[in-house]
């Protein structure tokens, strides 16, 4: 169902074949990284406990001779044989409904998981990248959010297990880099969307699309004036790879600075799906950020990176993917 297109490797631009570990590699972002590196001719070790990741996301890679899947929870130390050149720490779901189901494990995934992967990087002499988050800025009091902004985070709220977990993980990455010589990178990822998001992910893009395709009213939390900036998955993968290839050790924002209200997003989804449904309002969840818009000037300067996929184009691709998934589920339900 969640198929991956594996292309014939092109080695024209590959300086060397690397072994790349992707923790959380069966998840939304991680599976796209796995696909990209396999298509580039690298060896990929996908590590995932499948708590929120899915084998469906990597099904087309499982038989590939340069792909290896390891069922493992990064809260426990990870030992791997052979050389490792790069490690991407994509472990821990970014979906609030999902990470709030087991907040202690969420926090441990961020902190213990970071330390275990940092120790692996130190042992292997590998570079290691942390997928941090715009959530480290909390409910920001400034716009745009730049990397020097220290945030407005509630340490005792329902989102704290993830927000504070990622902030602690950044500290661990900084300390391992500053004092133990590990080659660390920190990406602060803003709202990302695209194919392979889970239909029940709980974030706004997937919520709106799935509700519209199912003929359900779209749920607006609060009055819909809160904003987000949406980055298509292919653009994010480009940014992560560029950051890993750089020498930058300080956090770098990766996201799309085009800003939309929830009402604007809802209208776009309704127009694109043709759904004849309405909008229903629900109370705004506690600590839900009112505004998100990244300052990506450092990414542009240091990495030469900027997003290329506009929201309209990305939504078309994402809606098409969700339609195929939901249609397949409907067929399966009728057959069974």
Protein backbone atom coordinates (compact mmCIF):
# COMPACT_ATOMS: atom_id res chain seq x y z
CA UNK A 1 0.00 0.00 0.00
CA UNK A 2 2.67 2.55 1.06
CA UNK A 3 4.98 1.71 -1.83
CA UNK A 4 8.46 3.07 -2.36
CA UNK A 5 9.91 3.61 -5.81
CA UNK A 6 13.42 2.18 -5.88
CA UNK A 7 15.41 3.50 -8.80
CA UNK A 8 18.53 2.07 -10.36
CA UNK A 9 21.45 3.66 -8.46
CA UNK A 10 23.32 6.41 -10.24
CA UNK A 11 26.89 6.70 -9.02
CA UNK A 12 27.87 9.74 -11.05
CA UNK A 13 27.67 12.08 -8.09
CA UNK A 14 28.58 9.67 -5.29
CA UNK A 15 32.07 10.13 -3.92
CA UNK A 16 31.96 6.93 -1.90
CA UNK A 17 29.51 4.32 -0.78
CA UNK A 18 28.53 4.95 2.83
CA UNK A 19 26.81 2.88 5.48
CA UNK A 20 24.04 5.05 6.89
CA UNK A 21 22.02 4.24 10.01
CA UNK A 22 18.53 5.75 10.19
CA UNK A 23 16.87 5.42 13.59
CA UNK A 24 13.12 5.69 13.17
CA UNK A 25 13.67 4.63 9.57
CA UNK A 26 10.24 3.01 9.20
CA UNK A 27 8.49 6.27 10.07
CA UNK A 28 7.25 9.09 7.86
CA UNK A 29 10.47 11.08 7.43
CA UNK A 30 12.83 8.18 8.09
CA UNK A 31 11.42 6.03 5.29
CA UNK A 32 11.95 8.83 2.79
CA UNK A 33 15.58 9.08 3.90
CA UNK A 34 15.97 5.31 3.49
CA UNK A 35 14.56 5.53 -0.02
CA UNK A 36 16.80 8.45 -1.00
CA UNK A 37 20.01 6.77 0.17
CA UNK A 38 19.19 3.40 -1.40
CA UNK A 39 18.50 5.19 -4.68
CA UNK A 40 21.91 6.86 -4.35
CA UNK A 41 23.61 3.48 -3.98
CA UNK A 42 24.43 3.61 -0.26
CA UNK A 43 24.00 0.91 2.35
CA UNK A 44 21.17 1.63 4.79
CA UNK A 45 20.52 0.20 8.25
CA UNK A 46 16.95 1.03 9.25
CA UNK A 47 16.40 0.87 13.03
CA UNK A 48 12.84 1.06 14.34
CA UNK A 49 10.73 -0.41 17.15
CA UNK A 50 7.59 -0.07 14.96
CA UNK A 51 5.72 1.68 17.77
CA UNK A 52 4.57 4.31 15.28
CA UNK A 53 6.60 3.37 12.22
CA UNK A 54 5.33 0.77 9.78
CA UNK A 55 6.82 -2.03 7.69
CA UNK A 56 4.53 -0.82 4.90
CA UNK A 57 6.69 2.31 4.61
CA UNK A 58 9.79 0.24 3.83
CA UNK A 59 8.17 -2.83 2.24
CA UNK A 60 9.76 -2.26 -1.17
CA UNK A 61 13.21 -1.93 0.38
CA UNK A 62 13.24 -5.04 2.54
CA UNK A 63 14.59 -7.33 -0.18
CA UNK A 64 17.22 -4.88 -1.39
CA UNK A 65 20.74 -6.21 -0.87
CA UNK A 66 21.97 -2.90 0.58
CA UNK A 67 19.07 -2.48 3.00
CA UNK A 68 18.89 -3.98 6.48
CA UNK A 69 16.06 -3.66 8.97
CA UNK A 70 16.80 -3.91 12.72
CA UNK A 71 13.87 -4.15 15.12
CA UNK A 72 15.14 -2.16 18.09
CA UNK A 73 14.06 0.52 20.57
CA UNK A 74 16.69 3.25 20.79
CA UNK A 75 16.05 3.71 24.52
CA UNK A 76 18.36 0.65 24.78
CA UNK A 77 22.00 0.75 23.62
CA UNK A 78 22.53 -0.20 19.98
CA UNK A 79 25.44 -2.34 18.79
CA UNK A 80 26.14 -2.83 15.08
CA UNK A 81 28.90 -4.73 13.33
CA UNK A 82 31.03 -3.12 10.68
CA UNK A 83 31.65 0.49 9.70
CA UNK A 84 29.07 3.26 10.06
CA UNK A 85 29.62 6.62 8.38
CA UNK A 86 26.46 8.56 9.21
CA UNK A 87 23.60 8.26 11.70
CA UNK A 88 20.27 10.05 11.37
CA UNK A 89 18.31 10.15 14.62
CA UNK A 90 14.73 10.34 13.37
CA UNK A 91 13.31 8.31 16.27
CA UNK A 92 10.26 9.62 18.17
CA UNK A 93 6.93 10.48 16.63
CA UNK A 94 6.13 14.16 16.16
CA UNK A 95 2.37 13.57 16.39
CA UNK A 96 1.01 15.05 19.66
CA UNK A 97 -1.81 12.47 20.08
CA UNK A 98 0.71 9.67 19.61
CA UNK A 99 3.59 10.96 21.74
CA UNK A 100 1.15 11.79 24.54
CA UNK A 101 0.01 8.16 24.76
CA UNK A 102 3.22 7.24 26.62
CA UNK A 103 4.92 10.47 27.66
CA UNK A 104 7.63 8.78 29.73
CA UNK A 105 8.70 6.64 26.79
CA UNK A 106 8.54 9.72 24.53
CA UNK A 107 10.91 11.60 26.81
CA UNK A 108 13.24 8.59 27.08
CA UNK A 109 13.24 8.17 23.31
CA UNK A 110 14.42 11.77 23.02
CA UNK A 111 17.05 11.60 25.77
CA UNK A 112 18.18 7.99 26.22
CA UNK A 113 17.79 7.47 22.48
CA UNK A 114 19.98 10.47 21.74
CA UNK A 115 22.69 9.30 24.12
CA UNK A 116 22.68 5.75 22.75
CA UNK A 117 23.03 6.97 19.18
CA UNK A 118 25.70 9.47 20.19
CA UNK A 119 27.64 6.65 21.85
CA UNK A 120 27.32 4.60 18.66
CA UNK A 121 28.60 7.58 16.65
CA UNK A 122 31.55 7.99 19.02
CA UNK A 123 32.40 4.29 18.81
CA UNK A 124 32.18 4.25 15.00
CA UNK A 125 33.70 7.67 14.31
CA UNK A 126 30.46 8.55 12.49
CA UNK A 127 28.67 11.82 11.95
CA UNK A 128 25.28 11.96 13.67
CA UNK A 129 22.29 14.23 13.05
CA UNK A 130 19.46 14.96 15.47
CA UNK A 131 15.96 15.58 14.16
CA UNK A 132 14.99 18.27 16.64
CA UNK A 133 11.89 20.35 16.21
CA UNK A 134 10.31 23.77 16.06
CA UNK A 135 8.58 22.68 19.28
CA UNK A 136 11.71 23.76 21.16
CA UNK A 137 10.40 27.30 20.60
CA UNK A 138 7.13 26.43 22.38
CA UNK A 139 4.37 28.98 21.88
CA UNK A 140 6.67 31.64 20.41
CA UNK A 141 6.48 35.29 21.31
CA UNK A 142 8.36 36.40 18.17
CA UNK A 143 7.95 35.92 14.44
CA UNK A 144 9.97 34.71 12.58
CA UNK A 145 11.55 32.10 14.87
CA UNK A 146 15.33 32.19 14.52
CA UNK A 147 17.82 29.75 16.02
CA UNK A 148 18.90 32.23 18.69
CA UNK A 149 15.40 32.48 20.15
CA UNK A 150 15.27 30.47 23.38
CA UNK A 151 11.59 29.76 23.28
CA UNK A 152 8.47 29.89 25.44
CA UNK A 153 7.94 26.29 26.58
CA UNK A 154 5.73 24.95 29.36
CA UNK A 155 7.82 22.31 31.15
CA UNK A 156 4.80 20.77 32.91
CA UNK A 157 2.19 20.59 30.15
CA UNK A 158 0.92 17.75 27.93
CA UNK A 159 3.40 18.59 25.17
CA UNK A 160 6.39 18.89 27.50
CA UNK A 161 7.48 15.25 27.12
CA UNK A 162 8.28 15.95 23.47
CA UNK A 163 9.23 19.65 23.61
CA UNK A 164 11.55 19.30 26.61
CA UNK A 165 12.77 15.90 25.42
CA UNK A 166 14.03 17.45 22.21
CA UNK A 167 15.57 20.40 24.06
CA UNK A 168 17.44 17.95 26.30
CA UNK A 169 18.53 15.96 23.24
CA UNK A 170 19.98 19.14 21.71
CA UNK A 171 22.00 19.66 24.88
CA UNK A 172 23.35 16.11 24.69
CA UNK A 173 24.34 16.61 21.06
CA UNK A 174 26.04 19.86 21.91
CA UNK A 175 27.99 18.38 24.83
CA UNK A 176 29.11 15.29 22.88
CA UNK A 177 30.31 17.57 20.12
CA UNK A 178 32.00 20.10 22.37
CA UNK A 179 33.66 17.69 24.82
CA UNK A 180 33.88 14.25 23.18
CA UNK A 181 34.67 15.25 19.62
CA UNK A 182 31.58 13.64 18.05
CA UNK A 183 30.61 15.20 14.71
CA UNK A 184 27.08 16.34 15.55
CA UNK A 185 24.42 18.14 13.54
CA UNK A 186 21.07 19.53 14.82
CA UNK A 187 18.08 20.13 12.55
CA UNK A 188 15.11 22.03 13.95
CA UNK A 189 12.32 20.71 11.77
CA UNK A 190 9.14 22.71 11.20
CA UNK A 191 5.79 21.19 10.15
CA UNK A 192 6.44 18.63 7.43
CA UNK A 193 3.82 16.81 5.35
CA UNK A 194 3.58 14.44 2.41
CA UNK A 195 3.03 10.81 1.40
CA UNK A 196 3.40 8.16 4.12
CA UNK A 197 1.93 10.26 6.89
CA UNK A 198 -0.33 7.96 8.89
CA UNK A 199 -4.05 8.56 8.22
CA UNK A 200 -4.56 8.84 11.98
CA UNK A 201 -1.41 10.90 12.53
CA UNK A 202 -3.34 13.65 14.30
CA UNK A 203 -1.57 16.60 12.70
CA UNK A 204 -3.49 19.18 10.76
CA UNK A 205 -2.59 18.33 7.14
CA UNK A 206 -3.41 14.64 7.49
CA UNK A 207 -6.48 15.41 9.63
CA UNK A 208 -7.99 17.77 7.05
CA UNK A 209 -7.24 15.57 4.05
CA UNK A 210 -8.53 12.36 5.62
CA UNK A 211 -11.67 14.03 6.96
CA UNK A 212 -12.38 15.60 3.57
CA UNK A 213 -11.85 12.35 1.65
CA UNK A 214 -14.10 10.50 4.12
CA UNK A 215 -16.84 13.10 3.74
CA UNK A 216 -16.50 14.31 7.32
CA UNK A 217 -16.57 17.90 8.58
CA UNK A 218 -13.10 19.36 9.07
CA UNK A 219 -12.15 19.95 12.71
CA UNK A 220 -10.85 23.45 13.47
CA UNK A 221 -9.26 23.88 16.88
CA UNK A 222 -9.79 27.32 18.34
CA UNK A 223 -10.95 29.96 15.87
CA UNK A 224 -8.61 28.81 13.11
CA UNK A 225 -6.45 31.93 13.15
CA UNK A 226 -3.38 30.08 14.45
CA UNK A 227 -0.73 29.61 11.77
CA UNK A 228 1.71 26.99 10.56
CA UNK A 229 4.35 26.86 7.84
CA UNK A 230 4.28 23.61 5.88
CA UNK A 231 7.35 21.97 4.33
CA UNK A 232 6.96 19.17 1.78
CA UNK A 233 8.84 15.98 2.64
CA UNK A 234 11.19 16.04 -0.40
CA UNK A 235 12.38 19.52 0.55
CA UNK A 236 13.04 18.44 4.13
CA UNK A 237 15.06 15.40 3.02
CA UNK A 238 17.19 17.70 0.83
CA UNK A 239 17.80 19.94 3.84
CA UNK A 240 18.71 17.10 6.19
CA UNK A 241 21.25 15.69 3.74
CA UNK A 242 22.74 19.13 3.13
CA UNK A 243 23.07 19.73 6.87
CA UNK A 244 24.78 16.38 7.42
CA UNK A 245 27.26 17.22 4.64
CA UNK A 246 28.07 20.59 6.23
CA UNK A 247 30.40 21.42 9.11
CA UNK A 248 27.72 23.24 11.12
CA UNK A 249 27.37 22.12 14.72
CA UNK A 250 24.79 24.66 15.91
CA UNK A 251 21.04 24.15 15.33
CA UNK A 252 19.66 24.99 11.89
CA UNK A 253 15.99 25.61 11.10
CA UNK A 254 14.56 23.52 8.25
CA UNK A 255 11.08 24.46 7.13
CA UNK A 256 9.04 26.50 4.69
CA UNK A 257 8.58 30.14 5.75
CA UNK A 258 5.29 30.54 3.84
CA UNK A 259 2.68 30.95 6.59
CA UNK A 260 -0.99 29.91 6.49
CA UNK A 261 -3.83 30.02 8.99
CA UNK A 262 -5.72 26.84 9.74
CA UNK A 263 -8.77 28.30 8.01
CA UNK A 264 -6.73 28.98 4.87
CA UNK A 265 -5.42 25.43 4.88
CA UNK A 266 -8.92 24.01 5.40
CA UNK A 267 -10.26 25.97 2.40
CA UNK A 268 -7.40 24.74 0.21
CA UNK A 269 -8.08 21.13 1.15
CA UNK A 270 -11.81 21.51 0.51
CA UNK A 271 -11.19 23.13 -2.87
CA UNK A 272 -8.72 20.43 -3.93
CA UNK A 273 -10.77 17.45 -2.76
CA UNK A 274 -14.13 18.86 -3.83
CA UNK A 275 -15.58 17.70 -0.52
CA UNK A 276 -19.01 19.11 0.33
CA UNK A 277 -18.49 19.25 4.07
CA UNK A 278 -18.39 21.94 6.70
CA UNK A 279 -16.12 23.06 9.50
CA UNK A 280 -16.62 22.29 13.17
CA UNK A 281 -14.83 24.08 15.98
CA UNK A 282 -13.27 22.43 19.00
CA UNK A 283 -11.41 24.05 21.93
CA UNK A 284 -7.75 24.79 21.30
CA UNK A 285 -5.59 22.11 23.02
CA UNK A 286 -3.44 23.22 25.94
CA UNK A 287 -0.10 24.74 24.89
CA UNK A 288 -0.95 24.47 21.20
CA UNK A 289 1.29 27.09 19.51
CA UNK A 290 -0.51 30.07 18.07
CA UNK A 291 2.08 30.69 15.40
CA UNK A 292 4.86 28.89 13.56
CA UNK A 293 7.11 30.46 10.91
CA UNK A 294 10.80 29.65 10.55
CA UNK A 295 13.62 32.02 9.81
CA UNK A 296 15.66 29.92 7.36
CA UNK A 297 18.34 32.48 6.58
CA UNK A 298 21.03 30.33 8.24
CA UNK A 299 20.03 27.31 6.17
CA UNK A 300 20.22 29.43 3.03
CA UNK A 301 23.62 30.87 3.96
CA UNK A 302 25.27 27.73 5.38
CA UNK A 303 23.67 25.01 3.27
CA UNK A 304 22.48 26.80 0.14
CA UNK A 305 19.08 25.31 0.94
CA UNK A 306 15.55 26.60 0.54
CA UNK A 307 12.27 24.74 -0.03
CA UNK A 308 11.09 24.40 -3.63
CA UNK A 309 7.64 22.79 -3.35
CA UNK A 310 4.77 25.23 -2.88
CA UNK A 311 1.87 24.24 -0.62
CA UNK A 312 -0.58 23.85 -3.52
CA UNK A 313 1.73 21.42 -5.33
CA UNK A 314 2.56 19.49 -2.17
CA UNK A 315 -1.09 19.19 -1.17
CA UNK A 316 -1.96 17.79 -4.60
CA UNK A 317 0.67 15.06 -4.21
CA UNK A 318 -0.35 14.32 -0.63
CA UNK A 319 -4.09 14.19 -1.36
CA UNK A 320 -3.43 11.82 -4.25
CA UNK A 321 -1.46 9.50 -1.95
CA UNK A 322 -4.07 9.57 0.84
CA UNK A 323 -6.82 8.88 -1.70
CA UNK A 324 -5.02 5.73 -2.86
CA UNK A 325 -4.46 4.56 0.72
CA UNK A 326 -8.05 5.13 1.84
CA UNK A 327 -9.40 3.58 -1.35
CA UNK A 328 -7.26 0.47 -0.81
CA UNK A 329 -8.49 0.27 2.80
CA UNK A 330 -12.09 0.49 1.60
CA UNK A 331 -11.55 -2.32 -0.90
CA UNK A 332 -9.92 -4.50 1.74
CA UNK A 333 -12.83 -3.88 4.13
CA UNK A 334 -15.38 -4.88 1.50
CA UNK A 335 -13.46 -8.04 0.61
CA UNK A 336 -13.09 -9.11 4.23
